[in-house]
């Protein structure tokens, strides 16, 4: 027999619906299906009429498309003298 504590134990989320994934990553369903058509979307599980994306697949997809920010090298631009106020004759 289960105790009240065991019955109310939260279940760890193992997969996202398409809507949950899109909301979590801030993309539209149209964008997700376009990514899948190009082979760039996360791995998915098609279960009958339901499509799920596992937490691991979402994290792997995120890692594939995440990259460290690139730091652009600063270039020292020599200062130029101000243009002369006197016009040069042609």
Protein backbone atom coordinates (compact mmCIF):
# COMPACT_ATOMS: atom_id res chain seq x y z
CA UNK A 1 0.00 0.00 0.00
CA UNK A 2 1.37 3.44 -0.99
CA UNK A 3 1.63 6.28 1.48
CA UNK A 4 0.40 9.79 0.69
CA UNK A 5 4.00 10.95 0.18
CA UNK A 6 4.62 8.25 -2.44
CA UNK A 7 1.40 9.02 -4.29
CA UNK A 8 2.21 12.75 -4.56
CA UNK A 9 5.83 12.36 -5.64
CA UNK A 10 6.42 14.58 -8.69
CA UNK A 11 7.20 12.84 -11.94
CA UNK A 12 10.33 14.00 -13.74
CA UNK A 13 9.55 15.21 -17.25
CA UNK A 14 11.20 12.93 -19.81
CA UNK A 15 9.77 14.28 -23.07
CA UNK A 16 8.17 17.40 -24.53
CA UNK A 17 5.20 17.72 -26.82
CA UNK A 18 5.80 19.74 -29.98
CA UNK A 19 3.97 22.70 -28.40
CA UNK A 20 6.03 22.49 -25.18
CA UNK A 21 9.30 22.25 -27.11
CA UNK A 22 8.41 25.22 -29.31
CA UNK A 23 7.35 27.31 -26.33
CA UNK A 24 10.50 26.39 -24.43
CA UNK A 25 12.82 27.29 -27.29
CA UNK A 26 10.82 30.27 -28.54
CA UNK A 27 10.21 28.94 -32.05
CA UNK A 28 7.01 28.32 -33.98
CA UNK A 29 5.70 24.91 -34.96
CA UNK A 30 6.19 25.94 -38.59
CA UNK A 31 9.87 26.62 -37.90
CA UNK A 32 10.28 23.28 -36.12
CA UNK A 33 8.70 21.35 -39.00
CA UNK A 34 10.90 23.29 -41.46
CA UNK A 35 13.97 22.29 -39.43
CA UNK A 36 12.86 18.66 -39.49
CA UNK A 37 12.35 18.79 -43.27
CA UNK A 38 15.97 20.01 -43.61
CA UNK A 39 17.25 17.33 -41.22
CA UNK A 40 18.17 19.99 -38.64
CA UNK A 41 15.49 19.46 -36.01
CA UNK A 42 15.82 17.48 -32.80
CA UNK A 43 15.35 13.72 -32.87
CA UNK A 44 11.72 12.86 -32.28
CA UNK A 45 9.57 9.98 -31.20
CA UNK A 46 6.47 9.40 -33.33
CA UNK A 47 3.98 7.53 -31.16
CA UNK A 48 0.86 6.95 -33.20
CA UNK A 49 -0.47 10.43 -33.92
CA UNK A 50 1.62 11.98 -31.17
CA UNK A 51 5.12 13.40 -31.63
CA UNK A 52 7.37 13.76 -28.60
CA UNK A 53 10.88 15.13 -28.19
CA UNK A 54 12.88 13.60 -25.36
CA UNK A 55 14.68 15.88 -22.94
CA UNK A 56 17.99 14.33 -24.09
CA UNK A 57 17.15 14.98 -27.77
CA UNK A 58 16.28 18.60 -26.97
CA UNK A 59 19.55 19.08 -25.09
CA UNK A 60 21.58 17.44 -27.88
CA UNK A 61 19.86 19.64 -30.49
CA UNK A 62 20.56 22.73 -28.40
CA UNK A 63 24.23 21.77 -28.06
CA UNK A 64 24.53 21.29 -31.85
CA UNK A 65 23.26 24.78 -32.54
CA UNK A 66 24.85 26.55 -29.59
CA UNK A 67 28.30 27.96 -29.90
CA UNK A 68 30.53 30.12 -27.83
CA UNK A 69 30.26 33.78 -28.69
CA UNK A 70 32.97 34.90 -31.02
CA UNK A 71 35.05 37.81 -29.89
CA UNK A 72 36.00 40.05 -32.71
CA UNK A 73 39.57 41.23 -32.50
CA UNK A 74 39.81 44.93 -31.99
CA UNK A 75 41.75 46.69 -34.66
CA UNK A 76 43.68 49.75 -33.76
CA UNK A 77 42.76 52.47 -36.21
CA UNK A 78 45.40 55.15 -36.38
CA UNK A 79 44.01 58.57 -35.75
CA UNK A 80 44.00 60.79 -38.78
CA UNK A 81 44.59 64.49 -38.70
CA UNK A 82 41.50 66.61 -39.13
CA UNK A 83 40.94 67.80 -42.70
CA UNK A 84 42.36 71.21 -43.40
CA UNK A 85 39.95 74.08 -43.04
CA UNK A 86 41.56 75.78 -46.02
CA UNK A 87 40.40 74.63 -49.44
CA UNK A 88 43.13 73.63 -51.84
CA UNK A 89 43.13 75.35 -55.24
CA UNK A 90 42.28 73.20 -58.24
